[in-house]
């Protein structure tokens, strides 16, 4: 996962896979329906501790893997194109 939107898509997929409403899934996860709705929409700024607990309850395991450094730094190249 790279963005809050990725998190939201994953949680929504689990909920729909279980054929649950947001209210039912939120109750199962121990969060409010509003929190779940915002998370599913990819709202940035949700509390990490709650997000990790929700992932655990939804059957996910959070694993951090360091990305290899690309040989070509595309972002630096784009920045160089916009600099005067």
PDB file of N, CA and C in Angstrom:
ATOM      1  N   UNK A   1       0.844  -1.172   0.000  1.00  0.00           N
ATOM      2  CA  UNK A   1       0.000   0.000   0.000  1.00  0.00           C
ATOM      3  C   UNK A   1       0.888   1.232   0.000  1.00  0.00           C
ATOM      4  N   UNK A   2       0.481   2.192  -0.801  1.00  0.00           N
ATOM      5  CA  UNK A   2       1.266   3.408  -0.891  1.00  0.00           C
ATOM      6  C   UNK A   2       0.486   4.663  -0.507  1.00  0.00           C
ATOM      7  N   UNK A   3      -0.829   4.600  -0.524  1.00  0.00           N
ATOM      8  CA  UNK A   3      -1.634   5.802  -0.266  1.00  0.00           C
ATOM      9  C   UNK A   3      -2.817   5.469   0.638  1.00  0.00           C
ATOM     10  N   UNK A   4      -3.417   6.493   1.241  1.00  0.00           N
ATOM     11  CA  UNK A   4      -4.648   6.254   2.001  1.00  0.00           C
ATOM     12  C   UNK A   4      -5.736   5.640   1.118  1.00  0.00           C
ATOM     13  N   UNK A   5      -5.731   5.992  -0.149  1.00  0.00           N
ATOM     14  CA  UNK A   5      -6.711   5.431  -1.081  1.00  0.00           C
ATOM     15  C   UNK A   5      -6.517   3.920  -1.232  1.00  0.00           C
ATOM     16  N   UNK A   6      -5.264   3.468  -1.281  1.00  0.00           N
ATOM     17  CA  UNK A   6      -4.978   2.022  -1.345  1.00  0.00           C
ATOM     18  C   UNK A   6      -5.551   1.314  -0.125  1.00  0.00           C
ATOM     19  N   UNK A   7      -5.360   1.927   1.046  1.00  0.00           N
ATOM     20  CA  UNK A   7      -5.898   1.375   2.287  1.00  0.00           C
ATOM     21  C   UNK A   7      -7.413   1.267   2.191  1.00  0.00           C
ATOM     22  N   UNK A   8      -8.042   2.341   1.727  1.00  0.00           N
ATOM     23  CA  UNK A   8      -9.496   2.360   1.600  1.00  0.00           C
ATOM     24  C   UNK A   8     -10.017   1.288   0.664  1.00  0.00           C
ATOM     25  N   UNK A   9      -9.355   1.117  -0.465  1.00  0.00           N
ATOM     26  CA  UNK A   9      -9.784   0.091  -1.418  1.00  0.00           C
ATOM     27  C   UNK A   9      -9.679  -1.308  -0.803  1.00  0.00           C
ATOM     28  N   UNK A  10      -8.605  -1.541  -0.065  1.00  0.00           N
ATOM     29  CA  UNK A  10      -8.412  -2.860   0.553  1.00  0.00           C
ATOM     30  C   UNK A  10      -9.513  -3.150   1.572  1.00  0.00           C
ATOM     31  N   UNK A  11      -9.806  -2.161   2.426  1.00  0.00           N
ATOM     32  CA  UNK A  11     -10.826  -2.357   3.454  1.00  0.00           C
ATOM     33  C   UNK A  11     -12.204  -2.517   2.815  1.00  0.00           C
ATOM     34  N   UNK A  12     -12.502  -1.710   1.821  1.00  0.00           N
ATOM     35  CA  UNK A  12     -13.794  -1.821   1.121  1.00  0.00           C
ATOM     36  C   UNK A  12     -13.933  -3.206   0.484  1.00  0.00           C
ATOM     37  N   UNK A  13     -12.848  -3.702  -0.102  1.00  0.00           N
ATOM     38  CA  UNK A  13     -12.878  -5.020  -0.743  1.00  0.00           C
ATOM     39  C   UNK A  13     -13.227  -6.109   0.285  1.00  0.00           C
ATOM     40  N   UNK A  14     -12.610  -6.042   1.444  1.00  0.00           N
ATOM     41  CA  UNK A  14     -12.905  -7.028   2.494  1.00  0.00           C
ATOM     42  C   UNK A  14     -14.360  -6.933   2.911  1.00  0.00           C
ATOM     43  N   UNK A  15     -14.845  -5.709   3.116  1.00  0.00           N
ATOM     44  CA  UNK A  15     -16.240  -5.521   3.554  1.00  0.00           C
ATOM     45  C   UNK A  15     -17.215  -6.071   2.521  1.00  0.00           C
ATOM     46  N   UNK A  16     -16.993  -5.740   1.260  1.00  0.00           N
ATOM     47  CA  UNK A  16     -17.906  -6.203   0.212  1.00  0.00           C
ATOM     48  C   UNK A  16     -17.794  -7.715   0.021  1.00  0.00           C
ATOM     49  N   UNK A  17     -16.584  -8.237   0.182  1.00  0.00           N
ATOM     50  CA  UNK A  17     -16.379  -9.682   0.079  1.00  0.00           C
ATOM     51  C   UNK A  17     -17.187 -10.423   1.141  1.00  0.00           C
ATOM     52  N   UNK A  18     -17.345  -9.795   2.302  1.00  0.00           N
ATOM     53  CA  UNK A  18     -18.121 -10.387   3.400  1.00  0.00           C
ATOM     54  C   UNK A  18     -19.599 -10.013   3.328  1.00  0.00           C
ATOM     55  N   UNK A  19     -19.978  -9.256   2.302  1.00  0.00           N
ATOM     56  CA  UNK A  19     -21.359  -8.796   2.107  1.00  0.00           C
ATOM     57  C   UNK A  19     -21.895  -8.057   3.328  1.00  0.00           C
ATOM     58  N   UNK A  20     -21.072  -7.159   3.869  1.00  0.00           N
ATOM     59  CA  UNK A  20     -21.465  -6.398   5.054  1.00  0.00           C
ATOM     60  C   UNK A  20     -21.717  -4.942   4.688  1.00  0.00           C
ATOM     61  N   UNK A  21     -22.636  -4.323   5.409  1.00  0.00           N
ATOM     62  CA  UNK A  21     -22.828  -2.885   5.285  1.00  0.00           C
ATOM     63  C   UNK A  21     -21.690  -2.199   6.027  1.00  0.00           C
ATOM     64  N   UNK A  22     -21.539  -0.906   5.785  1.00  0.00           N
ATOM     65  CA  UNK A  22     -20.519  -0.175   6.538  1.00  0.00           C
ATOM     66  C   UNK A  22     -20.812  -0.228   8.029  1.00  0.00           C
ATOM     67  N   UNK A  23     -22.075  -0.109   8.397  1.00  0.00           N
ATOM     68  CA  UNK A  23     -22.435  -0.136   9.818  1.00  0.00           C
ATOM     69  C   UNK A  23     -22.074  -1.468  10.465  1.00  0.00           C
ATOM     70  N   UNK A  24     -22.396  -2.551   9.786  1.00  0.00           N
ATOM     71  CA  UNK A  24     -22.106  -3.885  10.337  1.00  0.00           C
ATOM     72  C   UNK A  24     -20.604  -4.135  10.422  1.00  0.00           C
ATOM     73  N   UNK A  25     -19.877  -3.746   9.381  1.00  0.00           N
ATOM     74  CA  UNK A  25     -18.433  -3.964   9.373  1.00  0.00           C
ATOM     75  C   UNK A  25     -17.752  -3.079  10.412  1.00  0.00           C
ATOM     76  N   UNK A  26     -18.215  -1.831  10.540  1.00  0.00           N
ATOM     77  CA  UNK A  26     -17.648  -0.925  11.538  1.00  0.00           C
ATOM     78  C   UNK A  26     -17.840  -1.502  12.942  1.00  0.00           C
ATOM     79  N   UNK A  27     -19.023  -2.040  13.210  1.00  0.00           N
ATOM     80  CA  UNK A  27     -19.287  -2.644  14.526  1.00  0.00           C
ATOM     81  C   UNK A  27     -18.363  -3.828  14.761  1.00  0.00           C
ATOM     82  N   UNK A  28     -18.166  -4.621  13.738  1.00  0.00           N
ATOM     83  CA  UNK A  28     -17.271  -5.783  13.856  1.00  0.00           C
ATOM     84  C   UNK A  28     -15.828  -5.344  14.123  1.00  0.00           C
ATOM     85  N   UNK A  29     -15.424  -4.241  13.508  1.00  0.00           N
ATOM     86  CA  UNK A  29     -14.053  -3.756  13.654  1.00  0.00           C
ATOM     87  C   UNK A  29     -13.847  -2.919  14.904  1.00  0.00           C
ATOM     88  N   UNK A  30     -14.943  -2.455  15.501  1.00  0.00           N
ATOM     89  CA  UNK A  30     -14.834  -1.625  16.692  1.00  0.00           C
ATOM     90  C   UNK A  30     -14.543  -0.160  16.382  1.00  0.00           C
ATOM     91  N   UNK A  31     -15.000   0.304  15.211  1.00  0.00           N
ATOM     92  CA  UNK A  31     -14.853   1.713  14.827  1.00  0.00           C
ATOM     93  C   UNK A  31     -16.226   2.260  14.475  1.00  0.00           C
ATOM     94  N   UNK A  32     -16.309   3.572  14.326  1.00  0.00           N
ATOM     95  CA  UNK A  32     -17.595   4.161  13.941  1.00  0.00           C
ATOM     96  C   UNK A  32     -17.820   3.981  12.435  1.00  0.00           C
ATOM     97  N   UNK A  33     -19.077   4.055  12.025  1.00  0.00           N
ATOM     98  CA  UNK A  33     -19.378   3.960  10.593  1.00  0.00           C
ATOM     99  C   UNK A  33     -18.751   5.138   9.856  1.00  0.00           C
ATOM    100  N   UNK A  34     -18.755   6.311  10.504  1.00  0.00           N
ATOM    101  CA  UNK A  34     -18.140   7.501   9.894  1.00  0.00           C
ATOM    102  C   UNK A  34     -16.646   7.263   9.652  1.00  0.00           C
ATOM    103  N   UNK A  35     -15.950   6.703  10.628  1.00  0.00           N
ATOM    104  CA  UNK A  35     -14.522   6.435  10.473  1.00  0.00           C
ATOM    105  C   UNK A  35     -14.302   5.487   9.298  1.00  0.00           C
ATOM    106  N   UNK A  36     -15.092   4.415   9.239  1.00  0.00           N
ATOM    107  CA  UNK A  36     -14.949   3.442   8.161  1.00  0.00           C
ATOM    108  C   UNK A  36     -15.230   4.085   6.808  1.00  0.00           C
ATOM    109  N   UNK A  37     -16.268   4.900   6.736  1.00  0.00           N
ATOM    110  CA  UNK A  37     -16.609   5.582   5.498  1.00  0.00           C
ATOM    111  C   UNK A  37     -15.458   6.466   5.027  1.00  0.00           C
ATOM    112  N   UNK A  38     -14.887   7.232   5.946  1.00  0.00           N
ATOM    113  CA  UNK A  38     -13.767   8.105   5.596  1.00  0.00           C
ATOM    114  C   UNK A  38     -12.545   7.295   5.169  1.00  0.00           C
ATOM    115  N   UNK A  39     -12.291   6.200   5.869  1.00  0.00           N
ATOM    116  CA  UNK A  39     -11.152   5.351   5.518  1.00  0.00           C
ATOM    117  C   UNK A  39     -11.342   4.738   4.132  1.00  0.00           C
ATOM    118  N   UNK A  40     -12.542   4.265   3.854  1.00  0.00           N
ATOM    119  CA  UNK A  40     -12.807   3.664   2.540  1.00  0.00           C
ATOM    120  C   UNK A  40     -12.663   4.686   1.410  1.00  0.00           C
ATOM    121  N   UNK A  41     -12.937   5.942   1.711  1.00  0.00           N
ATOM    122  CA  UNK A  41     -12.798   6.998   0.692  1.00  0.00           C
ATOM    123  C   UNK A  41     -11.346   7.459   0.562  1.00  0.00           C
ATOM    124  N   UNK A  42     -10.452   6.933   1.404  1.00  0.00           N
ATOM    125  CA  UNK A  42      -9.037   7.288   1.312  1.00  0.00           C
ATOM    126  C   UNK A  42      -8.679   8.589   1.980  1.00  0.00           C
ATOM    127  N   UNK A  43      -9.460   8.973   2.989  1.00  0.00           N
ATOM    128  CA  UNK A  43      -9.176  10.223   3.691  1.00  0.00           C
ATOM    129  C   UNK A  43      -7.803  10.133   4.354  1.00  0.00           C
ATOM    130  N   UNK A  44      -6.918  11.089   4.042  1.00  0.00           N
ATOM    131  CA  UNK A  44      -5.611  11.084   4.715  1.00  0.00           C
ATOM    132  C   UNK A  44      -5.766  11.515   6.169  1.00  0.00           C
ATOM    133  N   UNK A  45      -4.865  11.094   6.992  1.00  0.00           N
ATOM    134  CA  UNK A  45      -4.856  11.543   8.373  1.00  0.00           C
ATOM    135  C   UNK A  45      -5.570  10.637   9.353  1.00  0.00           C
ATOM    136  N   UNK A  46      -6.006   9.448   8.912  1.00  0.00           N
ATOM    137  CA  UNK A  46      -6.616   8.545   9.891  1.00  0.00           C
ATOM    138  C   UNK A  46      -5.523   8.053  10.831  1.00  0.00           C
ATOM    139  N   UNK A  47      -5.878   7.793  12.058  1.00  0.00           N
ATOM    140  CA  UNK A  47      -4.905   7.400  13.067  1.00  0.00           C
ATOM    141  C   UNK A  47      -4.290   6.042  12.732  1.00  0.00           C
ATOM    142  N   UNK A  48      -2.966   5.981  12.738  1.00  0.00           N
ATOM    143  CA  UNK A  48      -2.253   4.769  12.351  1.00  0.00           C
ATOM    144  C   UNK A  48      -2.598   3.582  13.243  1.00  0.00           C
ATOM    145  N   UNK A  49      -2.693   3.796  14.543  1.00  0.00           N
ATOM    146  CA  UNK A  49      -3.001   2.689  15.456  1.00  0.00           C
ATOM    147  C   UNK A  49      -4.342   2.053  15.142  1.00  0.00           C
ATOM    148  N   UNK A  50      -5.336   2.887  14.852  1.00  0.00           N
ATOM    149  CA  UNK A  50      -6.654   2.365  14.503  1.00  0.00           C
ATOM    150  C   UNK A  50      -6.587   1.654  13.158  1.00  0.00           C
ATOM    151  N   UNK A  51      -5.876   2.251  12.194  1.00  0.00           N
ATOM    152  CA  UNK A  51      -5.751   1.637  10.874  1.00  0.00           C
ATOM    153  C   UNK A  51      -5.096   0.260  10.962  1.00  0.00           C
ATOM    154  N   UNK A  52      -4.063   0.145  11.773  1.00  0.00           N
ATOM    155  CA  UNK A  52      -3.396  -1.155  11.928  1.00  0.00           C
ATOM    156  C   UNK A  52      -4.315  -2.176  12.600  1.00  0.00           C
ATOM    157  N   UNK A  53      -5.080  -1.743  13.593  1.00  0.00           N
ATOM    158  CA  UNK A  53      -6.027  -2.645  14.256  1.00  0.00           C
ATOM    159  C   UNK A  53      -7.104  -3.098  13.274  1.00  0.00           C
ATOM    160  N   UNK A  54      -7.570  -2.176  12.433  1.00  0.00           N
ATOM    161  CA  UNK A  54      -8.588  -2.515  11.433  1.00  0.00           C
ATOM    162  C   UNK A  54      -8.015  -3.520  10.438  1.00  0.00           C
ATOM    163  N   UNK A  55      -6.788  -3.310   9.991  1.00  0.00           N
ATOM    164  CA  UNK A  55      -6.164  -4.273   9.076  1.00  0.00           C
ATOM    165  C   UNK A  55      -6.093  -5.659   9.703  1.00  0.00           C
ATOM    166  N   UNK A  56      -5.687  -5.698  10.964  1.00  0.00           N
ATOM    167  CA  UNK A  56      -5.576  -6.977  11.676  1.00  0.00           C
ATOM    168  C   UNK A  56      -6.933  -7.665  11.753  1.00  0.00           C
ATOM    169  N   UNK A  57      -7.965  -6.910  12.151  1.00  0.00           N
ATOM    170  CA  UNK A  57      -9.317  -7.472  12.263  1.00  0.00           C
ATOM    171  C   UNK A  57      -9.876  -7.892  10.902  1.00  0.00           C
ATOM    172  N   UNK A  58      -9.454  -7.208   9.852  1.00  0.00           N
ATOM    173  CA  UNK A  58      -9.942  -7.519   8.506  1.00  0.00           C
ATOM    174  C   UNK A  58      -9.186  -8.689   7.883  1.00  0.00           C
ATOM    175  N   UNK A  59      -8.200  -9.202   8.602  1.00  0.00           N
ATOM    176  CA  UNK A  59      -7.475 -10.370   8.107  1.00  0.00           C
ATOM    177  C   UNK A  59      -6.202 -10.059   7.339  1.00  0.00           C
ATOM    178  N   UNK A  60      -5.731  -8.813   7.437  1.00  0.00           N
ATOM    179  CA  UNK A  60      -4.494  -8.427   6.765  1.00  0.00           C
ATOM    180  C   UNK A  60      -3.335  -8.429   7.746  1.00  0.00           C
ATOM    181  N   UNK A  61      -2.131  -8.585   7.218  1.00  0.00           N
ATOM    182  CA  UNK A  61      -0.920  -8.459   7.997  1.00  0.00           C
ATOM    183  C   UNK A  61      -0.139  -7.288   7.400  1.00  0.00           C
ATOM    184  N   UNK A  62       0.242  -6.333   8.228  1.00  0.00           N
ATOM    185  CA  UNK A  62       0.988  -5.179   7.761  1.00  0.00           C
ATOM    186  C   UNK A  62       2.464  -5.544   7.751  1.00  0.00           C
ATOM    187  N   UNK A  63       3.086  -5.443   6.590  1.00  0.00           N
ATOM    188  CA  UNK A  63       4.505  -5.757   6.437  1.00  0.00           C
ATOM    189  C   UNK A  63       5.176  -4.585   5.731  1.00  0.00           C
ATOM    190  N   UNK A  64       6.288  -4.148   6.268  1.00  0.00           N
ATOM    191  CA  UNK A  64       7.035  -3.067   5.620  1.00  0.00           C
ATOM    192  C   UNK A  64       8.228  -3.671   4.897  1.00  0.00           C
ATOM    193  N   UNK A  65       8.372  -3.282   3.641  1.00  0.00           N
ATOM    194  CA  UNK A  65       9.486  -3.751   2.826  1.00  0.00           C
ATOM    195  C   UNK A  65      10.137  -2.530   2.187  1.00  0.00           C
ATOM    196  N   UNK A  66      11.434  -2.425   2.318  1.00  0.00           N
ATOM    197  CA  UNK A  66      12.142  -1.294   1.714  1.00  0.00           C
ATOM    198  C   UNK A  66      12.179  -1.483   0.205  1.00  0.00           C
ATOM    199  N   UNK A  67      11.734  -0.433  -0.494  1.00  0.00           N
ATOM    200  CA  UNK A  67      11.754  -0.476  -1.955  1.00  0.00           C
ATOM    201  C   UNK A  67      13.188  -0.326  -2.430  1.00  0.00           C
ATOM    202  N   UNK A  68      13.567  -1.075  -3.466  1.00  0.00           N
ATOM    203  CA  UNK A  68      14.906  -0.877  -4.025  1.00  0.00           C
ATOM    204  C   UNK A  68      14.986   0.484  -4.695  1.00  0.00           C
ATOM    205  N   UNK A  69      16.146   1.092  -4.628  1.00  0.00           N
ATOM    206  CA  UNK A  69      16.332   2.394  -5.266  1.00  0.00           C
ATOM    207  C   UNK A  69      16.396   2.181  -6.775  1.00  0.00           C
ATOM    208  N   UNK A  70      15.566   2.898  -7.505  1.00  0.00           N
ATOM    209  CA  UNK A  70      15.582   2.717  -8.956  1.00  0.00           C
ATOM    210  C   UNK A  70      16.884   3.230  -9.560  1.00  0.00           C
ATOM    211  N   UNK A  71      17.300   2.613 -10.651  1.00  0.00           N
ATOM    212  CA  UNK A  71      18.518   3.060 -11.327  1.00  0.00           C
ATOM    213  C   UNK A  71      18.315   4.449 -11.914  1.00  0.00           C
ATOM    214  N   UNK A  72      17.112   4.736 -12.397  1.00  0.00           N
ATOM    215  CA  UNK A  72      16.792   6.040 -12.972  1.00  0.00           C
ATOM    216  C   UNK A  72      15.826   6.739 -12.033  1.00  0.00           C
ATOM    217  N   UNK A  73      16.209   7.900 -11.543  1.00  0.00           N
ATOM    218  CA  UNK A  73      15.369   8.649 -10.618  1.00  0.00           C
ATOM    219  C   UNK A  73      14.379   9.493 -11.420  1.00  0.00           C
ATOM    220  N   UNK A  74      13.210   8.915 -11.699  1.00  0.00           N
ATOM    221  CA  UNK A  74      12.194   9.555 -12.517  1.00  0.00           C
ATOM    222  C   UNK A  74      11.708  10.855 -11.891  1.00  0.00           C
ATOM    223  N   UNK A  75      11.511  10.854 -10.560  1.00  0.00           N
ATOM    224  CA  UNK A  75      11.028  12.057  -9.886  1.00  0.00           C
ATOM    225  C   UNK A  75      12.036  13.199 -10.007  1.00  0.00           C
ATOM    226  N   UNK A  76      13.328  12.913  -9.863  1.00  0.00           N
ATOM    227  CA  UNK A  76      14.354  13.948 -10.022  1.00  0.00           C
ATOM    228  C   UNK A  76      14.370  14.468 -11.449  1.00  0.00           C
ATOM    229  N   UNK A  77      14.187  13.581 -12.392  1.00  0.00           N
ATOM    230  CA  UNK A  77      14.144  13.993 -13.797  1.00  0.00           C
ATOM    231  C   UNK A  77      12.976  14.941 -14.038  1.00  0.00           C
ATOM    232  N   UNK A  78      11.791  14.614 -13.496  1.00  0.00           N
ATOM    233  CA  UNK A  78      10.630  15.492 -13.652  1.00  0.00           C
ATOM    234  C   UNK A  78      10.877  16.849 -13.010  1.00  0.00           C
ATOM    235  N   UNK A  79      11.482  16.856 -11.811  1.00  0.00           N
ATOM    236  CA  UNK A  79      11.773  18.121 -11.146  1.00  0.00           C
ATOM    237  C   UNK A  79      12.720  18.970 -11.992  1.00  0.00           C
ATOM    238  N   UNK A  80      13.705  18.333 -12.611  1.00  0.00           N
ATOM    239  CA  UNK A  80      14.671  19.076 -13.422  1.00  0.00           C
ATOM    240  C   UNK A  80      14.012  19.729 -14.624  1.00  0.00           C
ATOM    241  N   UNK A  81      12.946  19.126 -15.125  1.00  0.00           N
ATOM    242  CA  UNK A  81      12.251  19.677 -16.286  1.00  0.00           C
ATOM    243  C   UNK A  81      11.464  20.925 -15.944  1.00  0.00           C
ATOM    244  N   UNK A  82      11.053  21.047 -14.679  1.00  0.00           N
ATOM    245  CA  UNK A  82      10.240  22.195 -14.286  1.00  0.00           C
ATOM    246  C   UNK A  82      11.064  23.316 -13.680  1.00  0.00           C
ATOM    247  N   UNK A  83      12.355  23.086 -13.444  1.00  0.00           N
ATOM    248  CA  UNK A  83      13.218  24.127 -12.880  1.00  0.00           C
ATOM    249  C   UNK A  83      13.690  25.040 -13.986  1.00  0.00           C
ATOM    250  N   UNK A  84      13.797  26.315 -13.652  1.00  0.00           N
ATOM    251  CA  UNK A  84      14.287  27.293 -14.635  1.00  0.00           C
ATOM    252  C   UNK A  84      15.770  27.502 -14.494  1.00  0.00           C
TER     253      UNK A  84
END
